[in-house]
């Protein structure tokens, strides 16, 4: 950050830290908003894990198993 006429070094250090913290907060808020938008978009097209009815699968021995949901 460039120096400002009339400000002491400690004041400039504080101003620089405050400005950096402000930028970090804004970046964090933008990232959170992007993450929420991605989550919303991803959940729009989610299908149920299993639809109701009878399902057939195979166990690790190759035997058929019927599952009613």
PDB file of N, CA and C in Angstrom:
ATOM      1  N   UNK A   1       0.852  -1.168   0.000  1.00  0.00           N
ATOM      2  CA  UNK A   1       0.000   0.000   0.000  1.00  0.00           C
ATOM      3  C   UNK A   1       0.901   1.234   0.000  1.00  0.00           C
ATOM      4  N   UNK A   2       0.654   2.196  -0.849  1.00  0.00           N
ATOM      5  CA  UNK A   2       1.494   3.392  -0.858  1.00  0.00           C
ATOM      6  C   UNK A   2       1.295   4.205   0.415  1.00  0.00           C
ATOM      7  N   UNK A   3       2.300   5.025   0.729  1.00  0.00           N
ATOM      8  CA  UNK A   3       2.203   5.842   1.936  1.00  0.00           C
ATOM      9  C   UNK A   3       1.266   7.021   1.703  1.00  0.00           C
ATOM     10  N   UNK A   4       0.689   7.468   2.803  1.00  0.00           N
ATOM     11  CA  UNK A   4      -0.215   8.613   2.763  1.00  0.00           C
ATOM     12  C   UNK A   4       0.434   9.721   3.571  1.00  0.00           C
ATOM     13  N   UNK A   5       0.507  10.918   2.996  1.00  0.00           N
ATOM     14  CA  UNK A   5       1.132  12.045   3.694  1.00  0.00           C
ATOM     15  C   UNK A   5       0.475  12.288   5.049  1.00  0.00           C
ATOM     16  N   UNK A   6       1.292  12.445   6.076  1.00  0.00           N
ATOM     17  CA  UNK A   6       0.801  12.765   7.401  1.00  0.00           C
ATOM     18  C   UNK A   6       0.495  11.559   8.261  1.00  0.00           C
ATOM     19  N   UNK A   7       0.600  10.338   7.733  1.00  0.00           N
ATOM     20  CA  UNK A   7       0.319   9.140   8.537  1.00  0.00           C
ATOM     21  C   UNK A   7       1.627   8.540   9.024  1.00  0.00           C
ATOM     22  N   UNK A   8       1.651   8.155  10.286  1.00  0.00           N
ATOM     23  CA  UNK A   8       2.844   7.527  10.848  1.00  0.00           C
ATOM     24  C   UNK A   8       2.935   6.079  10.383  1.00  0.00           C
ATOM     25  N   UNK A   9       4.084   5.490  10.564  1.00  0.00           N
ATOM     26  CA  UNK A   9       4.291   4.113  10.143  1.00  0.00           C
ATOM     27  C   UNK A   9       3.330   3.136  10.838  1.00  0.00           C
ATOM     28  N   UNK A  10       3.120   3.240  12.166  1.00  0.00           N
ATOM     29  CA  UNK A  10       2.156   2.328  12.803  1.00  0.00           C
ATOM     30  C   UNK A  10       0.735   2.496  12.256  1.00  0.00           C
ATOM     31  N   UNK A  11       0.370   3.738  11.960  1.00  0.00           N
ATOM     32  CA  UNK A  11      -0.961   3.979  11.406  1.00  0.00           C
ATOM     33  C   UNK A  11      -1.076   3.371  10.012  1.00  0.00           C
ATOM     34  N   UNK A  12      -0.014   3.478   9.227  1.00  0.00           N
ATOM     35  CA  UNK A  12      -0.016   2.883   7.886  1.00  0.00           C
ATOM     36  C   UNK A  12      -0.089   1.356   7.979  1.00  0.00           C
ATOM     37  N   UNK A  13       0.637   0.773   8.945  1.00  0.00           N
ATOM     38  CA  UNK A  13       0.592  -0.679   9.140  1.00  0.00           C
ATOM     39  C   UNK A  13      -0.825  -1.130   9.484  1.00  0.00           C
ATOM     40  N   UNK A  14      -1.456  -0.368  10.385  1.00  0.00           N
ATOM     41  CA  UNK A  14      -2.822  -0.709  10.788  1.00  0.00           C
ATOM     42  C   UNK A  14      -3.776  -0.580   9.592  1.00  0.00           C
ATOM     43  N   UNK A  15      -3.642   0.507   8.846  1.00  0.00           N
ATOM     44  CA  UNK A  15      -4.516   0.723   7.692  1.00  0.00           C
ATOM     45  C   UNK A  15      -4.321  -0.380   6.664  1.00  0.00           C
ATOM     46  N   UNK A  16      -3.083  -0.793   6.458  1.00  0.00           N
ATOM     47  CA  UNK A  16      -2.794  -1.853   5.508  1.00  0.00           C
ATOM     48  C   UNK A  16      -3.420  -3.177   5.951  1.00  0.00           C
ATOM     49  N   UNK A  17      -3.298  -3.498   7.241  1.00  0.00           N
ATOM     50  CA  UNK A  17      -3.885  -4.732   7.766  1.00  0.00           C
ATOM     51  C   UNK A  17      -5.410  -4.696   7.669  1.00  0.00           C
ATOM     52  N   UNK A  18      -6.001  -3.552   8.001  1.00  0.00           N
ATOM     53  CA  UNK A  18      -7.460  -3.423   7.936  1.00  0.00           C
ATOM     54  C   UNK A  18      -7.941  -3.580   6.501  1.00  0.00           C
ATOM     55  N   UNK A  19      -7.232  -2.989   5.561  1.00  0.00           N
ATOM     56  CA  UNK A  19      -7.602  -3.087   4.151  1.00  0.00           C
ATOM     57  C   UNK A  19      -7.476  -4.531   3.665  1.00  0.00           C
ATOM     58  N   UNK A  20      -6.385  -5.195   4.049  1.00  0.00           N
ATOM     59  CA  UNK A  20      -6.190  -6.594   3.657  1.00  0.00           C
ATOM     60  C   UNK A  20      -7.280  -7.487   4.239  1.00  0.00           C
ATOM     61  N   UNK A  21      -7.648  -7.243   5.497  1.00  0.00           N
ATOM     62  CA  UNK A  21      -8.700  -8.026   6.134  1.00  0.00           C
ATOM     63  C   UNK A  21     -10.037  -7.816   5.434  1.00  0.00           C
ATOM     64  N   UNK A  22     -10.280  -6.581   5.028  1.00  0.00           N
ATOM     65  CA  UNK A  22     -11.521  -6.274   4.318  1.00  0.00           C
ATOM     66  C   UNK A  22     -11.567  -7.016   2.984  1.00  0.00           C
ATOM     67  N   UNK A  23     -10.461  -7.002   2.259  1.00  0.00           N
ATOM     68  CA  UNK A  23     -10.400  -7.721   0.979  1.00  0.00           C
ATOM     69  C   UNK A  23     -10.596  -9.223   1.188  1.00  0.00           C
ATOM     70  N   UNK A  24      -9.995  -9.765   2.241  1.00  0.00           N
ATOM     71  CA  UNK A  24     -10.128 -11.193   2.524  1.00  0.00           C
ATOM     72  C   UNK A  24     -11.576 -11.546   2.852  1.00  0.00           C
ATOM     73  N   UNK A  25     -12.240 -10.680   3.594  1.00  0.00           N
ATOM     74  CA  UNK A  25     -13.639 -10.917   3.961  1.00  0.00           C
ATOM     75  C   UNK A  25     -14.524 -10.908   2.722  1.00  0.00           C
ATOM     76  N   UNK A  26     -14.300  -9.962   1.841  1.00  0.00           N
ATOM     77  CA  UNK A  26     -15.085  -9.879   0.603  1.00  0.00           C
ATOM     78  C   UNK A  26     -14.859 -11.137  -0.242  1.00  0.00           C
ATOM     79  N   UNK A  27     -13.608 -11.570  -0.352  1.00  0.00           N
ATOM     80  CA  UNK A  27     -13.303 -12.771  -1.130  1.00  0.00           C
ATOM     81  C   UNK A  27     -13.970 -13.996  -0.516  1.00  0.00           C
ATOM     82  N   UNK A  28     -13.977 -14.084   0.812  1.00  0.00           N
ATOM     83  CA  UNK A  28     -14.611 -15.213   1.498  1.00  0.00           C
ATOM     84  C   UNK A  28     -16.120 -15.211   1.264  1.00  0.00           C
ATOM     85  N   UNK A  29     -16.736 -14.040   1.297  1.00  0.00           N
ATOM     86  CA  UNK A  29     -18.173 -13.945   1.054  1.00  0.00           C
ATOM     87  C   UNK A  29     -18.512 -14.356  -0.376  1.00  0.00           C
ATOM     88  N   UNK A  30     -17.690 -13.915  -1.335  1.00  0.00           N
ATOM     89  CA  UNK A  30     -17.936 -14.281  -2.726  1.00  0.00           C
ATOM     90  C   UNK A  30     -17.801 -15.785  -2.922  1.00  0.00           C
ATOM     91  N   UNK A  31     -16.795 -16.394  -2.296  1.00  0.00           N
ATOM     92  CA  UNK A  31     -16.595 -17.839  -2.395  1.00  0.00           C
ATOM     93  C   UNK A  31     -17.778 -18.578  -1.796  1.00  0.00           C
ATOM     94  N   UNK A  32     -18.274 -18.126  -0.650  1.00  0.00           N
ATOM     95  CA  UNK A  32     -19.421 -18.763  -0.011  1.00  0.00           C
ATOM     96  C   UNK A  32     -20.663 -18.669  -0.899  1.00  0.00           C
ATOM     97  N   UNK A  33     -20.870 -17.519  -1.527  1.00  0.00           N
ATOM     98  CA  UNK A  33     -22.015 -17.352  -2.423  1.00  0.00           C
ATOM     99  C   UNK A  33     -21.893 -18.277  -3.634  1.00  0.00           C
ATOM    100  N   UNK A  34     -20.682 -18.419  -4.173  1.00  0.00           N
ATOM    101  CA  UNK A  34     -20.475 -19.330  -5.295  1.00  0.00           C
ATOM    102  C   UNK A  34     -20.732 -20.772  -4.877  1.00  0.00           C
ATOM    103  N   UNK A  35     -20.257 -21.139  -3.686  1.00  0.00           N
ATOM    104  CA  UNK A  35     -20.464 -22.500  -3.184  1.00  0.00           C
ATOM    105  C   UNK A  35     -21.947 -22.796  -3.005  1.00  0.00           C
ATOM    106  N   UNK A  36     -22.687 -21.842  -2.444  1.00  0.00           N
ATOM    107  CA  UNK A  36     -24.127 -22.043  -2.269  1.00  0.00           C
ATOM    108  C   UNK A  36     -24.837 -22.175  -3.612  1.00  0.00           C
ATOM    109  N   UNK A  37     -24.434 -21.375  -4.581  1.00  0.00           N
ATOM    110  CA  UNK A  37     -25.042 -21.473  -5.911  1.00  0.00           C
ATOM    111  C   UNK A  37     -24.757 -22.838  -6.535  1.00  0.00           C
ATOM    112  N   UNK A  38     -23.542 -23.339  -6.361  1.00  0.00           N
ATOM    113  CA  UNK A  38     -23.201 -24.663  -6.890  1.00  0.00           C
ATOM    114  C   UNK A  38     -24.005 -25.757  -6.194  1.00  0.00           C
ATOM    115  N   UNK A  39     -24.165 -25.639  -4.882  1.00  0.00           N
ATOM    116  CA  UNK A  39     -24.950 -26.635  -4.146  1.00  0.00           C
ATOM    117  C   UNK A  39     -26.408 -26.612  -4.597  1.00  0.00           C
ATOM    118  N   UNK A  40     -26.954 -25.415  -4.753  1.00  0.00           N
ATOM    119  CA  UNK A  40     -28.339 -25.294  -5.224  1.00  0.00           C
ATOM    120  C   UNK A  40     -28.496 -25.941  -6.598  1.00  0.00           C
ATOM    121  N   UNK A  41     -27.571 -25.667  -7.489  1.00  0.00           N
ATOM    122  CA  UNK A  41     -27.635 -26.220  -8.840  1.00  0.00           C
ATOM    123  C   UNK A  41     -27.514 -27.738  -8.811  1.00  0.00           C
ATOM    124  N   UNK A  42     -26.631 -28.246  -7.963  1.00  0.00           N
ATOM    125  CA  UNK A  42     -26.414 -29.688  -7.893  1.00  0.00           C
ATOM    126  C   UNK A  42     -27.624 -30.417  -7.322  1.00  0.00           C
ATOM    127  N   UNK A  43     -28.326 -29.788  -6.390  1.00  0.00           N
ATOM    128  CA  UNK A  43     -29.467 -30.459  -5.769  1.00  0.00           C
ATOM    129  C   UNK A  43     -30.730 -30.393  -6.612  1.00  0.00           C
ATOM    130  N   UNK A  44     -30.739 -29.587  -7.634  1.00  0.00           N
ATOM    131  CA  UNK A  44     -31.922 -29.514  -8.500  1.00  0.00           C
ATOM    132  C   UNK A  44     -32.148 -30.815  -9.255  1.00  0.00           C
ATOM    133  N   UNK A  45     -31.074 -31.495  -9.626  1.00  0.00           N
ATOM    134  CA  UNK A  45     -31.211 -32.672 -10.476  1.00  0.00           C
ATOM    135  C   UNK A  45     -30.983 -33.988  -9.736  1.00  0.00           C
ATOM    136  N   UNK A  46     -31.081 -33.957  -8.413  1.00  0.00           N
ATOM    137  CA  UNK A  46     -30.849 -35.174  -7.637  1.00  0.00           C
ATOM    138  C   UNK A  46     -32.068 -36.077  -7.730  1.00  0.00           C
ATOM    139  N   UNK A  47     -31.827 -37.340  -8.007  1.00  0.00           N
ATOM    140  CA  UNK A  47     -32.899 -38.329  -8.020  1.00  0.00           C
ATOM    141  C   UNK A  47     -32.813 -39.138  -6.741  1.00  0.00           C
ATOM    142  N   UNK A  48     -33.902 -39.726  -6.325  1.00  0.00           N
ATOM    143  CA  UNK A  48     -33.870 -40.533  -5.104  1.00  0.00           C
ATOM    144  C   UNK A  48     -32.881 -41.694  -5.243  1.00  0.00           C
ATOM    145  N   UNK A  49     -32.311 -42.110  -4.128  1.00  0.00           N
ATOM    146  CA  UNK A  49     -31.337 -43.203  -4.151  1.00  0.00           C
ATOM    147  C   UNK A  49     -31.975 -44.488  -4.639  1.00  0.00           C
ATOM    148  N   UNK A  50     -33.192 -44.737  -4.250  1.00  0.00           N
ATOM    149  CA  UNK A  50     -33.891 -45.945  -4.704  1.00  0.00           C
ATOM    150  C   UNK A  50     -35.360 -45.612  -4.855  1.00  0.00           C
ATOM    151  N   UNK A  51     -35.918 -45.982  -5.990  1.00  0.00           N
ATOM    152  CA  UNK A  51     -37.346 -45.776  -6.159  1.00  0.00           C
ATOM    153  C   UNK A  51     -38.073 -46.934  -5.485  1.00  0.00           C
ATOM    154  N   UNK A  52     -39.326 -46.706  -5.135  1.00  0.00           N
ATOM    155  CA  UNK A  52     -40.070 -47.749  -4.438  1.00  0.00           C
ATOM    156  C   UNK A  52     -40.365 -48.898  -5.389  1.00  0.00           C
ATOM    157  N   UNK A  53     -40.546 -50.066  -4.809  1.00  0.00           N
ATOM    158  CA  UNK A  53     -40.844 -51.244  -5.604  1.00  0.00           C
ATOM    159  C   UNK A  53     -39.838 -52.341  -5.315  1.00  0.00           C
ATOM    160  N   UNK A  54     -39.827 -53.330  -6.161  1.00  0.00           N
ATOM    161  CA  UNK A  54     -38.947 -54.476  -5.968  1.00  0.00           C
ATOM    162  C   UNK A  54     -37.709 -54.318  -6.846  1.00  0.00           C
ATOM    163  N   UNK A  55     -36.540 -54.565  -6.260  1.00  0.00           N
ATOM    164  CA  UNK A  55     -35.276 -54.464  -6.984  1.00  0.00           C
ATOM    165  C   UNK A  55     -34.505 -55.764  -6.818  1.00  0.00           C
ATOM    166  N   UNK A  56     -33.800 -56.144  -7.851  1.00  0.00           N
ATOM    167  CA  UNK A  56     -32.994 -57.356  -7.787  1.00  0.00           C
ATOM    168  C   UNK A  56     -31.535 -56.984  -7.921  1.00  0.00           C
ATOM    169  N   UNK A  57     -30.715 -57.592  -7.081  1.00  0.00           N
ATOM    170  CA  UNK A  57     -29.271 -57.366  -7.141  1.00  0.00           C
ATOM    171  C   UNK A  57     -28.575 -58.694  -6.905  1.00  0.00           C
ATOM    172  N   UNK A  58     -27.276 -58.686  -6.974  1.00  0.00           N
ATOM    173  CA  UNK A  58     -26.503 -59.921  -6.792  1.00  0.00           C
ATOM    174  C   UNK A  58     -25.540 -59.733  -5.631  1.00  0.00           C
ATOM    175  N   UNK A  59     -25.460 -60.737  -4.752  1.00  0.00           N
ATOM    176  CA  UNK A  59     -24.526 -60.632  -3.635  1.00  0.00           C
ATOM    177  C   UNK A  59     -23.128 -61.039  -4.081  1.00  0.00           C
ATOM    178  N   UNK A  60     -22.179 -61.073  -3.142  1.00  0.00           N
ATOM    179  CA  UNK A  60     -20.791 -61.350  -3.512  1.00  0.00           C
ATOM    180  C   UNK A  60     -20.549 -62.818  -3.874  1.00  0.00           C
ATOM    181  N   UNK A  61     -21.552 -63.679  -3.670  1.00  0.00           N
ATOM    182  CA  UNK A  61     -21.433 -65.083  -4.080  1.00  0.00           C
ATOM    183  C   UNK A  61     -22.143 -65.345  -5.402  1.00  0.00           C
ATOM    184  N   UNK A  62     -22.720 -64.314  -5.976  1.00  0.00           N
ATOM    185  CA  UNK A  62     -23.387 -64.456  -7.262  1.00  0.00           C
ATOM    186  C   UNK A  62     -24.844 -64.845  -7.145  1.00  0.00           C
ATOM    187  N   UNK A  63     -25.391 -64.853  -5.949  1.00  0.00           N
ATOM    188  CA  UNK A  63     -26.793 -65.213  -5.760  1.00  0.00           C
ATOM    189  C   UNK A  63     -27.674 -63.980  -5.916  1.00  0.00           C
ATOM    190  N   UNK A  64     -28.836 -64.164  -6.525  1.00  0.00           N
ATOM    191  CA  UNK A  64     -29.764 -63.054  -6.701  1.00  0.00           C
ATOM    192  C   UNK A  64     -30.458 -62.741  -5.389  1.00  0.00           C
ATOM    193  N   UNK A  65     -30.634 -61.447  -5.103  1.00  0.00           N
ATOM    194  CA  UNK A  65     -31.312 -60.987  -3.894  1.00  0.00           C
ATOM    195  C   UNK A  65     -32.401 -60.016  -4.322  1.00  0.00           C
ATOM    196  N   UNK A  66     -33.613 -60.238  -3.842  1.00  0.00           N
ATOM    197  CA  UNK A  66     -34.712 -59.311  -4.105  1.00  0.00           C
ATOM    198  C   UNK A  66     -34.828 -58.345  -2.943  1.00  0.00           C
ATOM    199  N   UNK A  67     -34.925 -57.066  -3.253  1.00  0.00           N
ATOM    200  CA  UNK A  67     -35.043 -56.032  -2.220  1.00  0.00           C
ATOM    201  C   UNK A  67     -36.328 -55.261  -2.475  1.00  0.00           C
ATOM    202  N   UNK A  68     -37.192 -55.223  -1.481  1.00  0.00           N
ATOM    203  CA  UNK A  68     -38.423 -54.437  -1.581  1.00  0.00           C
ATOM    204  C   UNK A  68     -38.242 -53.128  -0.833  1.00  0.00           C
ATOM    205  N   UNK A  69     -38.528 -52.035  -1.535  1.00  0.00           N
ATOM    206  CA  UNK A  69     -38.361 -50.714  -0.932  1.00  0.00           C
ATOM    207  C   UNK A  69     -39.717 -50.067  -0.797  1.00  0.00           C
TER     208      UNK A  69
END
